[in-house]
C-alpha atoms as a PDB file:
ATOM      1  CA  UNK A   1     -26.832 -55.527 -57.003  1.00  0.00           C
ATOM      2  CA  UNK A   2     -28.232 -53.646 -60.118  1.00  0.00           C
ATOM      3  CA  UNK A   3     -26.046 -50.708 -59.235  1.00  0.00           C
ATOM      4  CA  UNK A   4     -22.613 -52.530 -59.084  1.00  0.00           C
ATOM      5  CA  UNK A   5     -23.508 -54.232 -62.061  1.00  0.00           C
ATOM      6  CA  UNK A   6     -23.970 -50.803 -63.965  1.00  0.00           C
ATOM      7  CA  UNK A   7     -20.850 -49.653 -62.438  1.00  0.00           C
ATOM      8  CA  UNK A   8     -18.707 -52.667 -63.645  1.00  0.00           C
ATOM      9  CA  UNK A   9     -20.192 -52.669 -67.097  1.00  0.00           C
ATOM     10  CA  UNK A  10     -19.758 -48.894 -67.164  1.00  0.00           C
ATOM     11  CA  UNK A  11     -15.905 -49.315 -66.339  1.00  0.00           C
ATOM     12  CA  UNK A  12     -15.668 -51.778 -69.203  1.00  0.00           C
ATOM     13  CA  UNK A  13     -17.560 -49.632 -71.569  1.00  0.00           C
ATOM     14  CA  UNK A  14     -15.536 -46.455 -70.885  1.00  0.00           C
ATOM     15  CA  UNK A  15     -12.568 -48.374 -71.014  1.00  0.00           C
ATOM     16  CA  UNK A  16     -13.419 -49.922 -74.515  1.00  0.00           C
ATOM     17  CA  UNK A  17     -14.470 -46.561 -75.727  1.00  0.00           C
ATOM     18  CA  UNK A  18     -10.980 -44.883 -74.599  1.00  0.00           C
ATOM     19  CA  UNK A  19      -9.164 -47.616 -76.807  1.00  0.00           C
ATOM     20  CA  UNK A  20     -11.273 -46.958 -79.577  1.00  0.00           C
ATOM     21  CA  UNK A  21     -11.330 -42.811 -79.652  1.00  0.00           C
ATOM     22  CA  UNK A  22      -8.155 -40.912 -79.608  1.00  0.00           C
ATOM     23  CA  UNK A  23      -9.995 -37.530 -79.344  1.00  0.00           C
ATOM     24  CA  UNK A  24     -10.385 -36.911 -75.376  1.00  0.00           C
ATOM     25  CA  UNK A  25     -13.902 -35.055 -74.063  1.00  0.00           C
ATOM     26  CA  UNK A  26     -13.449 -31.311 -74.569  1.00  0.00           C
ATOM     27  CA  UNK A  27     -13.503 -28.841 -71.259  1.00  0.00           C
ATOM     28  CA  UNK A  28     -16.866 -27.817 -71.960  1.00  0.00           C
ATOM     29  CA  UNK A  29     -18.318 -31.294 -72.335  1.00  0.00           C
ATOM     30  CA  UNK A  30     -16.357 -32.305 -68.856  1.00  0.00           C
ATOM     31  CA  UNK A  31     -18.028 -29.187 -67.370  1.00  0.00           C
ATOM     32  CA  UNK A  32     -21.575 -29.685 -68.507  1.00  0.00           C
ATOM     33  CA  UNK A  33     -21.330 -33.420 -67.381  1.00  0.00           C
ATOM     34  CA  UNK A  34     -19.743 -32.674 -64.007  1.00  0.00           C
ATOM     35  CA  UNK A  35     -22.704 -29.886 -63.366  1.00  0.00           C
ATOM     36  CA  UNK A  36     -25.124 -32.659 -64.166  1.00  0.00           C
ATOM     37  CA  UNK A  37     -23.890 -35.253 -62.087  1.00  0.00           C
ATOM     38  CA  UNK A  38     -23.795 -32.742 -59.282  1.00  0.00           C
ATOM     39  CA  UNK A  39     -27.075 -31.959 -59.725  1.00  0.00           C
ATOM     40  CA  UNK A  40     -28.299 -35.568 -59.831  1.00  0.00           C
ATOM     41  CA  UNK A  41     -26.051 -36.117 -56.763  1.00  0.00           C
ATOM     42  CA  UNK A  42     -27.855 -33.007 -54.871  1.00  0.00           C
ATOM     43  CA  UNK A  43     -31.391 -34.415 -55.425  1.00  0.00           C
ATOM     44  CA  UNK A  44     -30.683 -37.885 -54.440  1.00  0.00           C
ATOM     45  CA  UNK A  45     -29.200 -36.682 -51.158  1.00  0.00           C
ATOM     46  CA  UNK A  46     -32.005 -34.314 -50.308  1.00  0.00           C
ATOM     47  CA  UNK A  47     -34.492 -36.992 -51.044  1.00  0.00           C
ATOM     48  CA  UNK A  48     -32.986 -39.715 -49.339  1.00  0.00           C
ATOM     49  CA  UNK A  49     -32.617 -37.564 -46.297  1.00  0.00           C
ATOM     50  CA  UNK A  50     -36.139 -36.532 -46.271  1.00  0.00           C
ATOM     51  CA  UNK A  51     -37.485 -39.959 -46.647  1.00  0.00           C
ATOM     52  CA  UNK A  52     -35.211 -40.684 -43.452  1.00  0.00           C
ATOM     53  CA  UNK A  53     -37.023 -38.290 -41.369  1.00  0.00           C
ATOM     54  CA  UNK A  54     -40.572 -38.064 -40.492  1.00  0.00           C
ATOM     55  CA  UNK A  55     -43.184 -37.666 -37.798  1.00  0.00           C
ATOM     56  CA  UNK A  56     -44.390 -34.383 -36.127  1.00  0.00           C
ATOM     57  CA  UNK A  57     -42.331 -31.140 -36.193  1.00  0.00           C
ATOM     58  CA  UNK A  58     -40.616 -31.972 -32.925  1.00  0.00           C
ATOM     59  CA  UNK A  59     -39.964 -35.450 -33.837  1.00  0.00           C
ATOM     60  CA  UNK A  60     -38.470 -34.092 -37.296  1.00  0.00           C
ATOM     61  CA  UNK A  61     -36.096 -32.063 -35.390  1.00  0.00           C
ATOM     62  CA  UNK A  62     -35.118 -34.694 -32.973  1.00  0.00           C
ATOM     63  CA  UNK A  63     -34.009 -37.057 -35.634  1.00  0.00           C
ATOM     64  CA  UNK A  64     -32.093 -34.552 -37.709  1.00  0.00           C
ATOM     65  CA  UNK A  65     -30.566 -33.458 -34.285  1.00  0.00           C
ATOM     66  CA  UNK A  66     -29.668 -37.069 -33.760  1.00  0.00           C
ATOM     67  CA  UNK A  67     -28.271 -37.069 -37.465  1.00  0.00           C
ATOM     68  CA  UNK A  68     -26.076 -34.114 -36.876  1.00  0.00           C
ATOM     69  CA  UNK A  69     -24.695 -35.625 -34.039  1.00  0.00           C
ATOM     70  CA  UNK A  70     -23.910 -38.704 -35.511  1.00  0.00           C
ATOM     71  CA  UNK A  71     -22.050 -37.012 -37.890  1.00  0.00           C
ATOM     72  CA  UNK A  72     -20.319 -34.967 -35.295  1.00  0.00           C
ATOM     73  CA  UNK A  73     -19.289 -38.147 -33.736  1.00  0.00           C
ATOM     74  CA  UNK A  74     -18.554 -39.914 -36.663  1.00  0.00           C
ATOM     75  CA  UNK A  75     -16.108 -37.255 -37.831  1.00  0.00           C
ATOM     76  CA  UNK A  76     -14.151 -37.704 -34.320  1.00  0.00           C
ATOM     77  CA  UNK A  77     -13.794 -41.367 -34.839  1.00  0.00           C
ATOM     78  CA  UNK A  78     -12.905 -40.910 -38.674  1.00  0.00           C
ATOM     79  CA  UNK A  79     -10.186 -38.519 -37.573  1.00  0.00           C
ATOM     80  CA  UNK A  80      -9.128 -41.046 -34.900  1.00  0.00           C
ATOM     81  CA  UNK A  81      -8.921 -43.589 -37.127  1.00  0.00           C
ATOM     82  CA  UNK A  82      -7.172 -41.328 -39.912  1.00  0.00           C
ATOM     83  CA  UNK A  83      -9.651 -42.598 -42.392  1.00  0.00           C
ATOM     84  CA  UNK A  84      -9.267 -39.493 -44.926  1.00  0.00           C
ATOM     85  CA  UNK A  85      -5.384 -39.380 -44.596  1.00  0.00           C
ATOM     86  CA  UNK A  86      -5.295 -43.233 -45.384  1.00  0.00           C
ATOM     87  CA  UNK A  87      -7.808 -42.627 -48.253  1.00  0.00           C
ATOM     88  CA  UNK A  88      -5.301 -39.717 -49.472  1.00  0.00           C
ATOM     89  CA  UNK A  89      -2.590 -41.906 -49.503  1.00  0.00           C
ATOM     90  CA  UNK A  90      -3.910 -44.431 -51.660  1.00  0.00           C
ATOM     91  CA  UNK A  91      -5.023 -41.817 -53.924  1.00  0.00           C
ATOM     92  CA  UNK A  92      -1.562 -40.119 -54.345  1.00  0.00           C
ATOM     93  CA  UNK A  93      -0.262 -43.567 -54.667  1.00  0.00           C
ATOM     94  CA  UNK A  94      -2.436 -43.896 -57.996  1.00  0.00           C
ATOM     95  CA  UNK A  95      -1.727 -40.429 -58.996  1.00  0.00           C
ATOM     96  CA  UNK A  96       1.956 -41.040 -58.822  1.00  0.00           C
ATOM     97  CA  UNK A  97       1.440 -44.088 -61.290  1.00  0.00           C
ATOM     98  CA  UNK A  98      -1.052 -41.981 -63.605  1.00  0.00           C
ATOM     99  CA  UNK A  99       1.728 -39.204 -63.975  1.00  0.00           C
ATOM    100  CA  UNK A 100       4.522 -41.860 -64.353  1.00  0.00           C
ATOM    101  CA  UNK A 101       2.522 -43.222 -67.177  1.00  0.00           C
ATOM    102  CA  UNK A 102       1.910 -39.583 -68.763  1.00  0.00           C
ATOM    103  CA  UNK A 103       5.571 -38.833 -68.585  1.00  0.00           C
ATOM    104  CA  UNK A 104       6.274 -42.255 -70.387  1.00  0.00           C
ATOM    105  CA  UNK A 105       3.323 -41.503 -73.026  1.00  0.00           C
ATOM    106  CA  UNK A 106       2.169 -45.152 -72.464  1.00  0.00           C
ATOM    107  CA  UNK A 107       1.857 -46.904 -69.172  1.00  0.00           C
ATOM    108  CA  UNK A 108       1.779 -50.576 -68.029  1.00  0.00           C
ATOM    109  CA  UNK A 109      -1.683 -51.987 -68.165  1.00  0.00           C
ATOM    110  CA  UNK A 110      -0.997 -53.417 -64.596  1.00  0.00           C
ATOM    111  CA  UNK A 111      -0.713 -50.069 -63.351  1.00  0.00           C
ATOM    112  CA  UNK A 112      -3.632 -49.118 -64.922  1.00  0.00           C
ATOM    113  CA  UNK A 113      -5.468 -51.796 -63.319  1.00  0.00           C
ATOM    114  CA  UNK A 114      -4.233 -50.917 -59.839  1.00  0.00           C
ATOM    115  CA  UNK A 115      -4.548 -47.202 -60.325  1.00  0.00           C
ATOM    116  CA  UNK A 116      -8.285 -47.690 -61.285  1.00  0.00           C
ATOM    117  CA  UNK A 117      -9.092 -50.359 -58.827  1.00  0.00           C
ATOM    118  CA  UNK A 118      -7.953 -47.936 -55.815  1.00  0.00           C
ATOM    119  CA  UNK A 119      -9.786 -44.814 -57.271  1.00  0.00           C
ATOM    120  CA  UNK A 120     -13.072 -46.597 -57.866  1.00  0.00           C
ATOM    121  CA  UNK A 121     -13.043 -48.797 -54.569  1.00  0.00           C
ATOM    122  CA  UNK A 122     -11.725 -46.195 -52.164  1.00  0.00           C
ATOM    123  CA  UNK A 123     -14.183 -43.502 -53.260  1.00  0.00           C
ATOM    124  CA  UNK A 124     -16.828 -42.673 -50.513  1.00  0.00           C
ATOM    125  CA  UNK A 125     -19.432 -42.844 -53.143  1.00  0.00           C
ATOM    126  CA  UNK A 126     -18.674 -46.683 -53.349  1.00  0.00           C
ATOM    127  CA  UNK A 127     -19.462 -47.171 -49.849  1.00  0.00           C
ATOM    128  CA  UNK A 128     -22.449 -45.031 -49.818  1.00  0.00           C
ATOM    129  CA  UNK A 129     -23.887 -46.045 -53.003  1.00  0.00           C
ATOM    130  CA  UNK A 130     -23.774 -49.736 -51.723  1.00  0.00           C
ATOM    131  CA  UNK A 131     -25.485 -48.733 -48.437  1.00  0.00           C
ATOM    132  CA  UNK A 132     -28.259 -46.884 -50.271  1.00  0.00           C
ATOM    133  CA  UNK A 133     -28.793 -49.774 -52.590  1.00  0.00           C
ATOM    134  CA  UNK A 134     -28.567 -52.439 -49.882  1.00  0.00           C
ATOM    135  CA  UNK A 135     -30.486 -50.885 -47.065  1.00  0.00           C
ATOM    136  CA  UNK A 136     -33.113 -48.663 -49.167  1.00  0.00           C
ATOM    137  CA  UNK A 137     -33.203 -50.660 -52.420  1.00  0.00           C
ATOM    138  CA  UNK A 138     -32.004 -47.368 -54.495  1.00  0.00           C
ATOM    139  CA  UNK A 139     -29.185 -47.922 -56.853  1.00  0.00           C
ATOM    140  CA  UNK A 140     -29.406 -43.830 -58.260  1.00  0.00           C
ATOM    141  CA  UNK A 141     -26.192 -42.917 -56.624  1.00  0.00           C
ATOM    142  CA  UNK A 142     -24.172 -46.087 -57.940  1.00  0.00           C
ATOM    143  CA  UNK A 143     -25.714 -45.218 -61.527  1.00  0.00           C
ATOM    144  CA  UNK A 144     -23.966 -41.674 -60.881  1.00  0.00           C
ATOM    145  CA  UNK A 145     -21.058 -43.320 -59.695  1.00  0.00           C
ATOM    146  CA  UNK A 146     -21.038 -45.581 -62.838  1.00  0.00           C
ATOM    147  CA  UNK A 147     -21.222 -42.572 -65.226  1.00  0.00           C
ATOM    148  CA  UNK A 148     -18.379 -41.260 -63.405  1.00  0.00           C
ATOM    149  CA  UNK A 149     -16.191 -44.390 -63.242  1.00  0.00           C
ATOM    150  CA  UNK A 150     -16.913 -45.070 -67.017  1.00  0.00           C
ATOM    151  CA  UNK A 151     -15.490 -41.523 -67.969  1.00  0.00           C
ATOM    152  CA  UNK A 152     -12.708 -41.789 -65.694  1.00  0.00           C
ATOM    153  CA  UNK A 153     -11.866 -45.046 -67.323  1.00  0.00           C
ATOM    154  CA  UNK A 154     -12.118 -43.800 -70.841  1.00  0.00           C
ATOM    155  CA  UNK A 155      -9.212 -41.372 -70.244  1.00  0.00           C
ATOM    156  CA  UNK A 156      -7.197 -43.925 -68.159  1.00  0.00           C
ATOM    157  CA  UNK A 157      -7.583 -46.499 -71.241  1.00  0.00           C
ATOM    158  CA  UNK A 158      -6.066 -43.904 -73.434  1.00  0.00           C
ATOM    159  CA  UNK A 159      -3.095 -43.845 -71.128  1.00  0.00           C
ATOM    160  CA  UNK A 160      -2.414 -47.541 -70.028  1.00  0.00           C
ATOM    161  CA  UNK A 161      -4.398 -49.611 -72.468  1.00  0.00           C
ATOM    162  CA  UNK A 162      -6.357 -52.528 -71.648  1.00  0.00           C
ATOM    163  CA  UNK A 163      -5.479 -52.679 -67.923  1.00  0.00           C
ATOM    164  CA  UNK A 164      -8.224 -50.319 -66.600  1.00  0.00           C
ATOM    165  CA  UNK A 165     -10.904 -52.479 -67.983  1.00  0.00           C
ATOM    166  CA  UNK A 166     -10.068 -55.225 -65.542  1.00  0.00           C
ATOM    167  CA  UNK A 167     -10.923 -53.047 -62.631  1.00  0.00           C
ATOM    168  CA  UNK A 168     -14.365 -53.943 -62.981  1.00  0.00           C
ATOM    169  CA  UNK A 169     -13.786 -57.185 -61.357  1.00  0.00           C
ATOM    170  CA  UNK A 170     -12.582 -55.799 -58.182  1.00  0.00           C
ATOM    171  CA  UNK A 171     -15.253 -53.291 -58.391  1.00  0.00           C
ATOM    172  CA  UNK A 172     -17.795 -55.962 -58.895  1.00  0.00           C
ATOM    173  CA  UNK A 173     -16.481 -58.055 -56.043  1.00  0.00           C
ATOM    174  CA  UNK A 174     -16.127 -55.228 -53.551  1.00  0.00           C
ATOM    175  CA  UNK A 175     -19.277 -53.207 -54.137  1.00  0.00           C
ATOM    176  CA  UNK A 176     -21.234 -56.283 -54.345  1.00  0.00           C
ATOM    177  CA  UNK A 177     -19.647 -57.798 -51.040  1.00  0.00           C
ATOM    178  CA  UNK A 178     -21.041 -54.360 -49.371  1.00  0.00           C
ATOM    179  CA  UNK A 179     -24.288 -54.561 -51.080  1.00  0.00           C
ATOM    180  CA  UNK A 180     -25.001 -58.087 -49.867  1.00  0.00           C
ATOM    181  CA  UNK A 181     -23.905 -57.167 -46.298  1.00  0.00           C
ATOM    182  CA  UNK A 182     -26.265 -54.318 -46.453  1.00  0.00           C
ATOM    183  CA  UNK A 183     -29.069 -55.910 -47.480  1.00  0.00           C
ATOM    184  CA  UNK A 184     -28.353 -58.756 -44.611  1.00  0.00           C
ATOM    185  CA  UNK A 185     -28.434 -55.995 -41.913  1.00  0.00           C
ATOM    186  CA  UNK A 186     -31.489 -54.204 -43.333  1.00  0.00           C
ATOM    187  CA  UNK A 187     -34.139 -56.332 -41.683  1.00  0.00           C
ATOM    188  CA  UNK A 188     -32.540 -55.974 -38.358  1.00  0.00           C
ATOM    189  CA  UNK A 189     -32.236 -51.855 -38.644  1.00  0.00           C
ATOM    190  CA  UNK A 190     -35.826 -51.991 -40.114  1.00  0.00           C
ATOM    191  CA  UNK A 191     -37.149 -54.232 -37.337  1.00  0.00           C
ATOM    192  CA  UNK A 192     -36.021 -51.956 -34.741  1.00  0.00           C
ATOM    193  CA  UNK A 193     -36.897 -48.518 -36.279  1.00  0.00           C
ATOM    194  CA  UNK A 194     -33.249 -47.641 -36.913  1.00  0.00           C
ATOM    195  CA  UNK A 195     -33.123 -47.796 -40.985  1.00  0.00           C
ATOM    196  CA  UNK A 196     -34.620 -44.042 -41.231  1.00  0.00           C
ATOM    197  CA  UNK A 197     -31.441 -42.823 -39.201  1.00  0.00           C
ATOM    198  CA  UNK A 198     -29.047 -44.672 -41.244  1.00  0.00           C
ATOM    199  CA  UNK A 199     -30.942 -43.107 -44.588  1.00  0.00           C
ATOM    200  CA  UNK A 200     -30.889 -39.709 -43.278  1.00  0.00           C
ATOM    201  CA  UNK A 201     -27.295 -39.595 -42.532  1.00  0.00           C
ATOM    202  CA  UNK A 202     -26.412 -41.287 -45.704  1.00  0.00           C
ATOM    203  CA  UNK A 203     -28.483 -38.755 -47.540  1.00  0.00           C
ATOM    204  CA  UNK A 204     -26.535 -35.712 -46.064  1.00  0.00           C
ATOM    205  CA  UNK A 205     -23.054 -37.454 -47.060  1.00  0.00           C
ATOM    206  CA  UNK A 206     -24.625 -37.966 -50.648  1.00  0.00           C
ATOM    207  CA  UNK A 207     -25.282 -34.025 -50.608  1.00  0.00           C
ATOM    208  CA  UNK A 208     -21.734 -33.646 -49.263  1.00  0.00           C
ATOM    209  CA  UNK A 209     -20.724 -35.617 -52.433  1.00  0.00           C
ATOM    210  CA  UNK A 210     -22.568 -33.476 -54.474  1.00  0.00           C
ATOM    211  CA  UNK A 211     -20.305 -30.228 -53.141  1.00  0.00           C
ATOM    212  CA  UNK A 212     -17.465 -32.148 -53.717  1.00  0.00           C
ATOM    213  CA  UNK A 213     -18.308 -33.018 -57.331  1.00  0.00           C
ATOM    214  CA  UNK A 214     -19.335 -28.926 -58.361  1.00  0.00           C
ATOM    215  CA  UNK A 215     -16.055 -28.015 -56.612  1.00  0.00           C
ATOM    216  CA  UNK A 216     -17.716 -25.748 -54.119  1.00  0.00           C
ATOM    217  CA  UNK A 217     -16.179 -27.276 -51.021  1.00  0.00           C
ATOM    218  CA  UNK A 218     -13.565 -29.550 -50.011  1.00  0.00           C
ATOM    219  CA  UNK A 219     -15.039 -32.101 -47.324  1.00  0.00           C
ATOM    220  CA  UNK A 220     -13.172 -34.853 -45.655  1.00  0.00           C
ATOM    221  CA  UNK A 221     -15.722 -37.187 -46.559  1.00  0.00           C
ATOM    222  CA  UNK A 222     -13.973 -40.539 -45.444  1.00  0.00           C
ATOM    223  CA  UNK A 223     -13.881 -39.175 -41.814  1.00  0.00           C
ATOM    224  CA  UNK A 224     -17.385 -38.845 -41.974  1.00  0.00           C
ATOM    225  CA  UNK A 225     -18.241 -42.282 -42.934  1.00  0.00           C
ATOM    226  CA  UNK A 226     -18.188 -43.692 -39.244  1.00  0.00           C
ATOM    227  CA  UNK A 227     -21.088 -41.799 -38.678  1.00  0.00           C
ATOM    228  CA  UNK A 228     -23.371 -44.198 -40.834  1.00  0.00           C
ATOM    229  CA  UNK A 229     -22.711 -46.634 -37.782  1.00  0.00           C
ATOM    230  CA  UNK A 230     -23.115 -43.908 -35.114  1.00  0.00           C
ATOM    231  CA  UNK A 231     -26.667 -42.824 -36.222  1.00  0.00           C
ATOM    232  CA  UNK A 232     -28.481 -46.141 -35.651  1.00  0.00           C
ATOM    233  CA  UNK A 233     -26.634 -46.355 -32.340  1.00  0.00           C
ATOM    234  CA  UNK A 234     -27.697 -43.003 -30.979  1.00  0.00           C
ATOM    235  CA  UNK A 235     -31.108 -43.633 -32.169  1.00  0.00           C
ATOM    236  CA  UNK A 236     -31.439 -46.784 -30.255  1.00  0.00           C
ATOM    237  CA  UNK A 237     -30.183 -45.156 -27.148  1.00  0.00           C
ATOM    238  CA  UNK A 238     -32.349 -42.007 -27.385  1.00  0.00           C
ATOM    239  CA  UNK A 239     -35.766 -43.684 -28.218  1.00  0.00           C
END
């Protein structure tokens, strides 16, 4: 829960800073922060993937193949469920509220609360980060998300007032619930030697997040999320 608590506190701190300061971050500062966050995310993703792959050369290759197959099948499931389309609709809804507030020069705090809640909770990092903390006891990814959300809240607070600060509550509830569920399933996955497959799959998805942060490639991350559930099933079936 450390990562989720940090995330909620960052939302409050970022919002408070946005209410107190009048000058936004410069484009140069934003670019440097994005590069730094992207680099951290690359390291976390590769480190998590490597920790989930072990054994001899052939075992390593087999595990990697299963993970790639899990992501492929997971994407097919995600496309069938139209996960990315649903996430995009929520994002567009939040963007419309933000654009309306910018046009009016000041937005309603309630709209700020809804906008930030949607953006912070439907982000793939919310799922990946909570799974990583709950299953692997590693909150580094949520720490990266905390910084990103805090910076975003700083900007939203200038537009919507105090409303975005309240988004810390649903973030705490949503991510906390996912973390606790992951902690509950961790012993079962560990006992059945399935945790490594989830770890490796999660790591590759985190690496994909880094490509999006660095604006190197657009990836439909939401469609790949079912791969996190397909990976342990494939591992169990193929062992």
